[in-house]
Amino acid sequence: MLLCKQEKAGIQLNAEQADWKDDTDDESDDQELESHYMYIAKLQQIDQNEEDADLAKEHELLASLITKLKCEIDESKNRNTL
Protein backbone atom coordinates (compact mmCIF):
# COMPACT_ATOMS: atom_id res chain seq x y z
CA MET A 1 0.00 0.00 0.00
CA LEU A 2 2.88 2.32 0.79
CA LEU A 3 4.38 1.59 -2.62
CA CYS A 4 1.09 2.51 -4.28
CA LYS A 5 0.98 5.79 -2.36
CA GLN A 6 4.57 6.54 -3.32
CA GLU A 7 3.83 5.80 -6.95
CA LYS A 8 0.72 8.01 -6.91
CA ALA A 9 2.73 10.81 -5.33
CA GLY A 10 5.10 10.64 -8.29
CA ILE A 11 7.97 9.04 -6.41
CA GLN A 12 9.75 6.64 -8.73
CA LEU A 13 10.07 3.12 -7.38
CA ASN A 14 13.32 1.23 -7.69
CA ALA A 15 13.35 -1.96 -9.78
CA GLU A 16 12.94 -4.27 -6.77
CA GLN A 17 10.00 -2.26 -5.42
CA ALA A 18 8.36 -2.12 -8.85
CA ASP A 19 8.77 -5.89 -9.30
CA TRP A 20 7.37 -6.56 -5.84
CA LYS A 21 4.40 -4.26 -6.51
CA ASP A 22 3.71 -5.98 -9.83
CA ASP A 23 3.89 -9.40 -8.18
CA THR A 24 1.47 -8.42 -5.42
CA ASP A 25 -0.90 -6.89 -7.96
CA ASP A 26 -0.91 -10.22 -9.82
CA GLU A 27 -1.56 -12.09 -6.56
CA SER A 28 -4.64 -9.99 -5.81
CA ASP A 29 -5.89 -10.61 -9.37
CA ASP A 30 -5.27 -14.33 -8.90
CA GLN A 31 -7.11 -14.29 -5.58
CA GLU A 32 -10.03 -12.42 -7.12
CA LEU A 33 -10.20 -14.88 -10.00
CA GLU A 34 -10.00 -17.85 -7.63
CA SER A 35 -12.79 -16.37 -5.51
CA HIS A 36 -14.91 -15.93 -8.62
CA TYR A 37 -14.38 -19.56 -9.66
CA MET A 38 -15.20 -20.78 -6.16
CA TYR A 39 -18.41 -18.71 -6.19
CA ILE A 40 -19.44 -20.09 -9.59
CA ALA A 41 -18.68 -23.66 -8.45
CA LYS A 42 -20.83 -23.12 -5.36
CA LEU A 43 -23.71 -21.82 -7.48
CA GLN A 44 -23.46 -24.83 -9.77
CA GLN A 45 -23.49 -27.14 -6.76
CA ILE A 46 -26.63 -25.45 -5.42
CA ASP A 47 -28.29 -25.74 -8.84
CA GLN A 48 -27.37 -29.43 -9.01
CA ASN A 49 -28.78 -30.04 -5.52
CA GLU A 50 -32.05 -28.37 -6.53
CA GLU A 51 -32.20 -30.48 -9.70
CA ASP A 52 -31.56 -33.64 -7.67
CA ALA A 53 -34.36 -32.72 -5.26
CA ASP A 54 -36.74 -32.00 -8.15
CA LEU A 55 -35.87 -35.32 -9.79
CA ALA A 56 -36.45 -37.17 -6.52
CA LYS A 57 -39.90 -35.58 -6.17
CA GLU A 58 -40.75 -36.42 -9.78
CA HIS A 59 -39.59 -40.00 -9.22
CA GLU A 60 -41.83 -40.34 -6.16
CA LEU A 61 -44.82 -38.93 -8.02
CA LEU A 62 -44.31 -41.25 -10.99
CA ALA A 63 -43.85 -44.27 -8.72
CA SER A 64 -47.07 -43.38 -6.91
CA LEU A 65 -48.92 -42.96 -10.21
CA ILE A 66 -47.67 -46.32 -11.47
CA THR A 67 -48.81 -48.01 -8.25
CA LYS A 68 -52.28 -46.44 -8.51
CA LEU A 69 -52.61 -47.41 -12.17
CA LYS A 70 -51.63 -51.01 -11.38
CA CYS A 71 -54.28 -51.12 -8.66
CA GLU A 72 -56.91 -49.76 -11.05
CA ILE A 73 -55.95 -52.32 -13.69
CA ASP A 74 -56.15 -55.14 -11.14
CA GLU A 75 -59.56 -53.91 -9.93
CA SER A 76 -60.79 -53.71 -13.50
CA LYS A 77 -59.60 -57.26 -14.19
CA ASN A 78 -61.30 -58.50 -11.02
CA ARG A 79 -64.59 -56.84 -12.02
CA ASN A 80 -64.43 -58.42 -15.47
CA THR A 81 -63.82 -61.92 -14.10
CA LEU A 82 -66.84 -61.81 -11.79
PDB file of N, CA and C in Angstrom:
ATOM      1  N   MET A   1       0.830  -1.181   0.000  1.00  0.00           N
ATOM      2  CA  MET A   1       0.000   0.000   0.000  1.00  0.00           C
ATOM      3  C   MET A   1       0.876   1.246   0.000  1.00  0.00           C
ATOM      4  N   LEU A   2       1.950   1.193   0.752  1.00  0.00           N
ATOM      5  CA  LEU A   2       2.877   2.321   0.793  1.00  0.00           C
ATOM      6  C   LEU A   2       3.489   2.552  -0.579  1.00  0.00           C
ATOM      7  N   LEU A   3       3.811   1.458  -1.278  1.00  0.00           N
ATOM      8  CA  LEU A   3       4.382   1.592  -2.619  1.00  0.00           C
ATOM      9  C   LEU A   3       3.381   2.240  -3.569  1.00  0.00           C
ATOM     10  N   CYS A   4       2.122   1.895  -3.432  1.00  0.00           N
ATOM     11  CA  CYS A   4       1.089   2.506  -4.281  1.00  0.00           C
ATOM     12  C   CYS A   4       0.992   4.002  -4.001  1.00  0.00           C
ATOM     13  N   LYS A   5       1.045   4.373  -2.719  1.00  0.00           N
ATOM     14  CA  LYS A   5       0.982   5.794  -2.360  1.00  0.00           C
ATOM     15  C   LYS A   5       2.197   6.538  -2.895  1.00  0.00           C
ATOM     16  N   GLN A   6       3.364   5.907  -2.795  1.00  0.00           N
ATOM     17  CA  GLN A   6       4.574   6.543  -3.317  1.00  0.00           C
ATOM     18  C   GLN A   6       4.464   6.732  -4.829  1.00  0.00           C
ATOM     19  N   GLU A   7       3.956   5.725  -5.495  1.00  0.00           N
ATOM     20  CA  GLU A   7       3.832   5.801  -6.947  1.00  0.00           C
ATOM     21  C   GLU A   7       2.829   6.887  -7.344  1.00  0.00           C
ATOM     22  N   LYS A   8       1.717   6.975  -6.620  1.00  0.00           N
ATOM     23  CA  LYS A   8       0.718   8.008  -6.910  1.00  0.00           C
ATOM     24  C   LYS A   8       1.262   9.405  -6.645  1.00  0.00           C
ATOM     25  N   ALA A   9       2.143   9.503  -5.664  1.00  0.00           N
ATOM     26  CA  ALA A   9       2.731  10.807  -5.334  1.00  0.00           C
ATOM     27  C   ALA A   9       3.812  11.208  -6.334  1.00  0.00           C
ATOM     28  N   GLY A  10       4.108  10.322  -7.271  1.00  0.00           N
ATOM     29  CA  GLY A  10       5.104  10.645  -8.288  1.00  0.00           C
ATOM     30  C   GLY A  10       6.506  10.229  -7.922  1.00  0.00           C
ATOM     31  N   ILE A  11       6.657   9.520  -6.811  1.00  0.00           N
ATOM     32  CA  ILE A  11       7.975   9.037  -6.407  1.00  0.00           C
ATOM     33  C   ILE A  11       8.273   7.782  -7.214  1.00  0.00           C
ATOM     34  N   GLN A  12       9.407   7.784  -7.888  1.00  0.00           N
ATOM     35  CA  GLN A  12       9.755   6.642  -8.728  1.00  0.00           C
ATOM     36  C   GLN A  12      10.237   5.489  -7.858  1.00  0.00           C
ATOM     37  N   LEU A  13       9.688   4.312  -8.121  1.00  0.00           N
ATOM     38  CA  LEU A  13      10.072   3.117  -7.376  1.00  0.00           C
ATOM     39  C   LEU A  13      11.324   2.522  -7.994  1.00  0.00           C
ATOM     40  N   ASN A  14      12.163   1.925  -7.130  1.00  0.00           N
ATOM     41  CA  ASN A  14      13.325   1.230  -7.692  1.00  0.00           C
ATOM     42  C   ASN A  14      12.853  -0.085  -8.314  1.00  0.00           C
ATOM     43  N   ALA A  15      13.721  -0.760  -9.026  1.00  0.00           N
ATOM     44  CA  ALA A  15      13.346  -1.963  -9.778  1.00  0.00           C
ATOM     45  C   ALA A  15      12.781  -3.045  -8.865  1.00  0.00           C
ATOM     46  N   GLU A  16      13.403  -3.233  -7.700  1.00  0.00           N
ATOM     47  CA  GLU A  16      12.938  -4.266  -6.772  1.00  0.00           C
ATOM     48  C   GLU A  16      11.538  -3.938  -6.256  1.00  0.00           C
ATOM     49  N   GLN A  17      11.318  -2.674  -5.895  1.00  0.00           N
ATOM     50  CA  GLN A  17      10.004  -2.261  -5.417  1.00  0.00           C
ATOM     51  C   GLN A  17       8.952  -2.409  -6.518  1.00  0.00           C
ATOM     52  N   ALA A  18       9.300  -2.017  -7.731  1.00  0.00           N
ATOM     53  CA  ALA A  18       8.358  -2.120  -8.846  1.00  0.00           C
ATOM     54  C   ALA A  18       8.006  -3.581  -9.122  1.00  0.00           C
ATOM     55  N   ASP A  19       9.021  -4.458  -9.086  1.00  0.00           N
ATOM     56  CA  ASP A  19       8.772  -5.886  -9.298  1.00  0.00           C
ATOM     57  C   ASP A  19       7.876  -6.449  -8.203  1.00  0.00           C
ATOM     58  N   TRP A  20       8.169  -6.068  -6.965  1.00  0.00           N
ATOM     59  CA  TRP A  20       7.368  -6.563  -5.843  1.00  0.00           C
ATOM     60  C   TRP A  20       5.926  -6.088  -5.969  1.00  0.00           C
ATOM     61  N   LYS A  21       5.744  -4.823  -6.331  1.00  0.00           N
ATOM     62  CA  LYS A  21       4.396  -4.265  -6.506  1.00  0.00           C
ATOM     63  C   LYS A  21       3.656  -4.997  -7.618  1.00  0.00           C
ATOM     64  N   ASP A  22       4.334  -5.250  -8.727  1.00  0.00           N
ATOM     65  CA  ASP A  22       3.708  -5.981  -9.833  1.00  0.00           C
ATOM     66  C   ASP A  22       3.314  -7.392  -9.408  1.00  0.00           C
ATOM     67  N   ASP A  23       4.191  -8.047  -8.647  1.00  0.00           N
ATOM     68  CA  ASP A  23       3.892  -9.402  -8.178  1.00  0.00           C
ATOM     69  C   ASP A  23       2.679  -9.415  -7.262  1.00  0.00           C
ATOM     70  N   THR A  24       2.609  -8.453  -6.342  1.00  0.00           N
ATOM     71  CA  THR A  24       1.472  -8.425  -5.416  1.00  0.00           C
ATOM     72  C   THR A  24       0.192  -8.048  -6.140  1.00  0.00           C
ATOM     73  N   ASP A  25       0.288  -7.208  -7.165  1.00  0.00           N
ATOM     74  CA  ASP A  25      -0.898  -6.889  -7.963  1.00  0.00           C
ATOM     75  C   ASP A  25      -1.423  -8.149  -8.642  1.00  0.00           C
ATOM     76  N   ASP A  26      -0.512  -8.968  -9.174  1.00  0.00           N
ATOM     77  CA  ASP A  26      -0.910 -10.218  -9.819  1.00  0.00           C
ATOM     78  C   ASP A  26      -1.551 -11.167  -8.816  1.00  0.00           C
ATOM     79  N   GLU A  27      -1.013 -11.204  -7.587  1.00  0.00           N
ATOM     80  CA  GLU A  27      -1.563 -12.085  -6.564  1.00  0.00           C
ATOM     81  C   GLU A  27      -2.995 -11.695  -6.237  1.00  0.00           C
ATOM     82  N   SER A  28      -3.272 -10.403  -6.127  1.00  0.00           N
ATOM     83  CA  SER A  28      -4.640  -9.994  -5.813  1.00  0.00           C
ATOM     84  C   SER A  28      -5.572 -10.332  -6.966  1.00  0.00           C
ATOM     85  N   ASP A  29      -5.086 -10.206  -8.218  1.00  0.00           N
ATOM     86  CA  ASP A  29      -5.891 -10.610  -9.369  1.00  0.00           C
ATOM     87  C   ASP A  29      -6.153 -12.107  -9.331  1.00  0.00           C
ATOM     88  N   ASP A  30      -5.120 -12.877  -8.991  1.00  0.00           N
ATOM     89  CA  ASP A  30      -5.271 -14.328  -8.896  1.00  0.00           C
ATOM     90  C   ASP A  30      -6.276 -14.699  -7.809  1.00  0.00           C
ATOM     91  N   GLN A  31      -6.192 -14.016  -6.673  1.00  0.00           N
ATOM     92  CA  GLN A  31      -7.113 -14.294  -5.575  1.00  0.00           C
ATOM     93  C   GLN A  31      -8.541 -13.935  -5.970  1.00  0.00           C
ATOM     94  N   GLU A  32      -8.699 -12.831  -6.670  1.00  0.00           N
ATOM     95  CA  GLU A  32     -10.027 -12.418  -7.117  1.00  0.00           C
ATOM     96  C   GLU A  32     -10.597 -13.440  -8.104  1.00  0.00           C
ATOM     97  N   LEU A  33      -9.768 -13.890  -9.027  1.00  0.00           N
ATOM     98  CA  LEU A  33     -10.196 -14.883 -10.004  1.00  0.00           C
ATOM     99  C   LEU A  33     -10.547 -16.202  -9.320  1.00  0.00           C
ATOM    100  N   GLU A  34      -9.722 -16.611  -8.363  1.00  0.00           N
ATOM    101  CA  GLU A  34      -9.997 -17.846  -7.633  1.00  0.00           C
ATOM    102  C   GLU A  34     -11.305 -17.735  -6.854  1.00  0.00           C
ATOM    103  N   SER A  35     -11.543 -16.588  -6.234  1.00  0.00           N
ATOM    104  CA  SER A  35     -12.793 -16.371  -5.506  1.00  0.00           C
ATOM    105  C   SER A  35     -13.987 -16.461  -6.450  1.00  0.00           C
ATOM    106  N   HIS A  36     -13.830 -15.888  -7.631  1.00  0.00           N
ATOM    107  CA  HIS A  36     -14.907 -15.932  -8.623  1.00  0.00           C
ATOM    108  C   HIS A  36     -15.216 -17.380  -9.013  1.00  0.00           C
ATOM    109  N   TYR A  37     -14.171 -18.168  -9.288  1.00  0.00           N
ATOM    110  CA  TYR A  37     -14.379 -19.564  -9.663  1.00  0.00           C
ATOM    111  C   TYR A  37     -15.022 -20.356  -8.529  1.00  0.00           C
ATOM    112  N   MET A  38     -14.615 -20.085  -7.301  1.00  0.00           N
ATOM    113  CA  MET A  38     -15.205 -20.777  -6.157  1.00  0.00           C
ATOM    114  C   MET A  38     -16.685 -20.424  -6.029  1.00  0.00           C
ATOM    115  N   TYR A  39     -17.022 -19.165  -6.260  1.00  0.00           N
ATOM    116  CA  TYR A  39     -18.410 -18.708  -6.193  1.00  0.00           C
ATOM    117  C   TYR A  39     -19.250 -19.405  -7.268  1.00  0.00           C
ATOM    118  N   ILE A  40     -18.729 -19.446  -8.495  1.00  0.00           N
ATOM    119  CA  ILE A  40     -19.443 -20.094  -9.593  1.00  0.00           C
ATOM    120  C   ILE A  40     -19.623 -21.587  -9.304  1.00  0.00           C
ATOM    121  N   ALA A  41     -18.589 -22.230  -8.783  1.00  0.00           N
ATOM    122  CA  ALA A  41     -18.677 -23.656  -8.446  1.00  0.00           C
ATOM    123  C   ALA A  41     -19.747 -23.889  -7.388  1.00  0.00           C
ATOM    124  N   LYS A  42     -19.822 -22.999  -6.415  1.00  0.00           N
ATOM    125  CA  LYS A  42     -20.832 -23.123  -5.355  1.00  0.00           C
ATOM    126  C   LYS A  42     -22.235 -22.973  -5.934  1.00  0.00           C
ATOM    127  N   LEU A  43     -22.412 -22.001  -6.844  1.00  0.00           N
ATOM    128  CA  LEU A  43     -23.715 -21.820  -7.484  1.00  0.00           C
ATOM    129  C   LEU A  43     -24.116 -23.059  -8.277  1.00  0.00           C
ATOM    130  N   GLN A  44     -23.162 -23.637  -8.990  1.00  0.00           N
ATOM    131  CA  GLN A  44     -23.456 -24.835  -9.765  1.00  0.00           C
ATOM    132  C   GLN A  44     -23.830 -25.993  -8.856  1.00  0.00           C
ATOM    133  N   GLN A  45     -23.175 -26.080  -7.709  1.00  0.00           N
ATOM    134  CA  GLN A  45     -23.486 -27.145  -6.758  1.00  0.00           C
ATOM    135  C   GLN A  45     -24.905 -26.964  -6.224  1.00  0.00           C
ATOM    136  N   ILE A  46     -25.277 -25.730  -5.914  1.00  0.00           N
ATOM    137  CA  ILE A  46     -26.629 -25.452  -5.420  1.00  0.00           C
ATOM    138  C   ILE A  46     -27.655 -25.814  -6.486  1.00  0.00           C
ATOM    139  N   ASP A  47     -27.389 -25.412  -7.740  1.00  0.00           N
ATOM    140  CA  ASP A  47     -28.294 -25.744  -8.837  1.00  0.00           C
ATOM    141  C   ASP A  47     -28.436 -27.251  -8.981  1.00  0.00           C
ATOM    142  N   GLN A  48     -27.335 -27.980  -8.877  1.00  0.00           N
ATOM    143  CA  GLN A  48     -27.368 -29.435  -9.011  1.00  0.00           C
ATOM    144  C   GLN A  48     -28.179 -30.052  -7.882  1.00  0.00           C
ATOM    145  N   ASN A  49     -28.018 -29.527  -6.656  1.00  0.00           N
ATOM    146  CA  ASN A  49     -28.778 -30.045  -5.520  1.00  0.00           C
ATOM    147  C   ASN A  49     -30.272 -29.823  -5.726  1.00  0.00           C
ATOM    148  N   GLU A  50     -30.637 -28.653  -6.262  1.00  0.00           N
ATOM    149  CA  GLU A  50     -32.045 -28.372  -6.528  1.00  0.00           C
ATOM    150  C   GLU A  50     -32.584 -29.308  -7.603  1.00  0.00           C
ATOM    151  N   GLU A  51     -31.789 -29.551  -8.643  1.00  0.00           N
ATOM    152  CA  GLU A  51     -32.203 -30.476  -9.699  1.00  0.00           C
ATOM    153  C   GLU A  51     -32.384 -31.876  -9.140  1.00  0.00           C
ATOM    154  N   ASP A  52     -31.466 -32.309  -8.275  1.00  0.00           N
ATOM    155  CA  ASP A  52     -31.564 -33.636  -7.672  1.00  0.00           C
ATOM    156  C   ASP A  52     -32.839 -33.753  -6.843  1.00  0.00           C
ATOM    157  N   ALA A  53     -33.155 -32.710  -6.085  1.00  0.00           N
ATOM    158  CA  ALA A  53     -34.363 -32.722  -5.259  1.00  0.00           C
ATOM    159  C   ALA A  53     -35.605 -32.768  -6.143  1.00  0.00           C
ATOM    160  N   ASP A  54     -35.604 -31.991  -7.228  1.00  0.00           N
ATOM    161  CA  ASP A  54     -36.739 -31.996  -8.151  1.00  0.00           C
ATOM    162  C   ASP A  54     -36.909 -33.369  -8.798  1.00  0.00           C
ATOM    163  N   LEU A  55     -35.802 -33.988  -9.188  1.00  0.00           N
ATOM    164  CA  LEU A  55     -35.875 -35.320  -9.794  1.00  0.00           C
ATOM    165  C   LEU A  55     -36.387 -36.358  -8.800  1.00  0.00           C
ATOM    166  N   ALA A  56     -35.983 -36.230  -7.549  1.00  0.00           N
ATOM    167  CA  ALA A  56     -36.449 -37.167  -6.523  1.00  0.00           C
ATOM    168  C   ALA A  56     -37.960 -37.032  -6.330  1.00  0.00           C
ATOM    169  N   LYS A  57     -38.456 -35.791  -6.303  1.00  0.00           N
ATOM    170  CA  LYS A  57     -39.904 -35.576  -6.171  1.00  0.00           C
ATOM    171  C   LYS A  57     -40.647 -36.154  -7.372  1.00  0.00           C
ATOM    172  N   GLU A  58     -40.116 -35.900  -8.561  1.00  0.00           N
ATOM    173  CA  GLU A  58     -40.746 -36.417  -9.776  1.00  0.00           C
ATOM    174  C   GLU A  58     -40.755 -37.946  -9.762  1.00  0.00           C
ATOM    175  N   HIS A  59     -39.665 -38.542  -9.309  1.00  0.00           N
ATOM    176  CA  HIS A  59     -39.585 -40.004  -9.222  1.00  0.00           C
ATOM    177  C   HIS A  59     -40.655 -40.541  -8.278  1.00  0.00           C
ATOM    178  N   GLU A  60     -40.817 -39.899  -7.123  1.00  0.00           N
ATOM    179  CA  GLU A  60     -41.827 -40.339  -6.158  1.00  0.00           C
ATOM    180  C   GLU A  60     -43.230 -40.225  -6.740  1.00  0.00           C
ATOM    181  N   LEU A  61     -43.502 -39.114  -7.428  1.00  0.00           N
ATOM    182  CA  LEU A  61     -44.825 -38.930  -8.021  1.00  0.00           C
ATOM    183  C   LEU A  61     -45.106 -39.982  -9.093  1.00  0.00           C
ATOM    184  N   LEU A  62     -44.122 -40.242  -9.941  1.00  0.00           N
ATOM    185  CA  LEU A  62     -44.311 -41.248 -10.988  1.00  0.00           C
ATOM    186  C   LEU A  62     -44.487 -42.642 -10.400  1.00  0.00           C
ATOM    187  N   ALA A  63     -43.718 -42.963  -9.367  1.00  0.00           N
ATOM    188  CA  ALA A  63     -43.851 -44.268  -8.716  1.00  0.00           C
ATOM    189  C   ALA A  63     -45.242 -44.413  -8.107  1.00  0.00           C
ATOM    190  N   SER A  64     -45.733 -43.355  -7.496  1.00  0.00           N
ATOM    191  CA  SER A  64     -47.072 -43.375  -6.912  1.00  0.00           C
ATOM    192  C   SER A  64     -48.135 -43.550  -7.997  1.00  0.00           C
ATOM    193  N   LEU A  65     -47.974 -42.848  -9.099  1.00  0.00           N
ATOM    194  CA  LEU A  65     -48.919 -42.957 -10.210  1.00  0.00           C
ATOM    195  C   LEU A  65     -48.932 -44.371 -10.782  1.00  0.00           C
ATOM    196  N   ILE A  66     -47.765 -44.956 -10.953  1.00  0.00           N
ATOM    197  CA  ILE A  66     -47.675 -46.324 -11.473  1.00  0.00           C
ATOM    198  C   ILE A  66     -48.380 -47.297 -10.539  1.00  0.00           C
ATOM    199  N   THR A  67     -48.172 -47.135  -9.240  1.00  0.00           N
ATOM    200  CA  THR A  67     -48.811 -48.009  -8.255  1.00  0.00           C
ATOM    201  C   THR A  67     -50.329 -47.884  -8.333  1.00  0.00           C
ATOM    202  N   LYS A  68     -50.825 -46.657  -8.423  1.00  0.00           N
ATOM    203  CA  LYS A  68     -52.275 -46.441  -8.511  1.00  0.00           C
ATOM    204  C   LYS A  68     -52.839 -47.035  -9.794  1.00  0.00           C
ATOM    205  N   LEU A  69     -52.136 -46.859 -10.905  1.00  0.00           N
ATOM    206  CA  LEU A  69     -52.609 -47.414 -12.173  1.00  0.00           C
ATOM    207  C   LEU A  69     -52.642 -48.939 -12.136  1.00  0.00           C
ATOM    208  N   LYS A  70     -51.639 -49.553 -11.511  1.00  0.00           N
ATOM    209  CA  LYS A  70     -51.628 -51.013 -11.381  1.00  0.00           C
ATOM    210  C   LYS A  70     -52.824 -51.487 -10.564  1.00  0.00           C
ATOM    211  N   CYS A  71     -53.124 -50.759  -9.498  1.00  0.00           N
ATOM    212  CA  CYS A  71     -54.279 -51.119  -8.664  1.00  0.00           C
ATOM    213  C   CYS A  71     -55.570 -51.007  -9.464  1.00  0.00           C
ATOM    214  N   GLU A  72     -55.704 -49.935 -10.236  1.00  0.00           N
ATOM    215  CA  GLU A  72     -56.908 -49.755 -11.050  1.00  0.00           C
ATOM    216  C   GLU A  72     -57.036 -50.857 -12.096  1.00  0.00           C
ATOM    217  N   ILE A  73     -55.931 -51.243 -12.700  1.00  0.00           N
ATOM    218  CA  ILE A  73     -55.954 -52.324 -13.691  1.00  0.00           C
ATOM    219  C   ILE A  73     -56.367 -53.630 -13.033  1.00  0.00           C
ATOM    220  N   ASP A  74     -55.791 -53.911 -11.859  1.00  0.00           N
ATOM    221  CA  ASP A  74     -56.147 -55.137 -11.136  1.00  0.00           C
ATOM    222  C   ASP A  74     -57.621 -55.133 -10.757  1.00  0.00           C
ATOM    223  N   GLU A  75     -58.140 -54.007 -10.288  1.00  0.00           N
ATOM    224  CA  GLU A  75     -59.557 -53.907  -9.927  1.00  0.00           C
ATOM    225  C   GLU A  75     -60.440 -54.118 -11.148  1.00  0.00           C
ATOM    226  N   SER A  76     -60.024 -53.553 -12.260  1.00  0.00           N
ATOM    227  CA  SER A  76     -60.787 -53.707 -13.496  1.00  0.00           C
ATOM    228  C   SER A  76     -60.800 -55.169 -13.940  1.00  0.00           C
ATOM    229  N   LYS A  77     -59.668 -55.847 -13.835  1.00  0.00           N
ATOM    230  CA  LYS A  77     -59.597 -57.262 -14.192  1.00  0.00           C
ATOM    231  C   LYS A  77     -60.498 -58.086 -13.280  1.00  0.00           C
ATOM    232  N   ASN A  78     -60.479 -57.762 -11.977  1.00  0.00           N
ATOM    233  CA  ASN A  78     -61.300 -58.496 -11.016  1.00  0.00           C
ATOM    234  C   ASN A  78     -62.783 -58.306 -11.314  1.00  0.00           C
ATOM    235  N   ARG A  79     -63.187 -57.102 -11.694  1.00  0.00           N
ATOM    236  CA  ARG A  79     -64.591 -56.843 -12.021  1.00  0.00           C
ATOM    237  C   ARG A  79     -65.008 -57.629 -13.266  1.00  0.00           C
ATOM    238  N   ASN A  80     -64.109 -57.729 -14.222  1.00  0.00           N
ATOM    239  CA  ASN A  80     -64.430 -58.424 -15.469  1.00  0.00           C
ATOM    240  C   ASN A  80     -64.493 -59.941 -15.290  1.00  0.00           C
ATOM    241  N   THR A  81     -63.802 -60.471 -14.317  1.00  0.00           N
ATOM    242  CA  THR A  81     -63.816 -61.919 -14.097  1.00  0.00           C
ATOM    243  C   THR A  81     -65.022 -62.356 -13.288  1.00  0.00           C
ATOM    244  N   LEU A  82     -65.683 -61.442 -12.613  1.00  0.00           N
ATOM    245  CA  LEU A  82     -66.842 -61.814 -11.795  1.00  0.00           C
ATOM    246  C   LEU A  82     -68.034 -61.943 -12.628  1.00  0.00           C
TER     247      LEU A  82
END
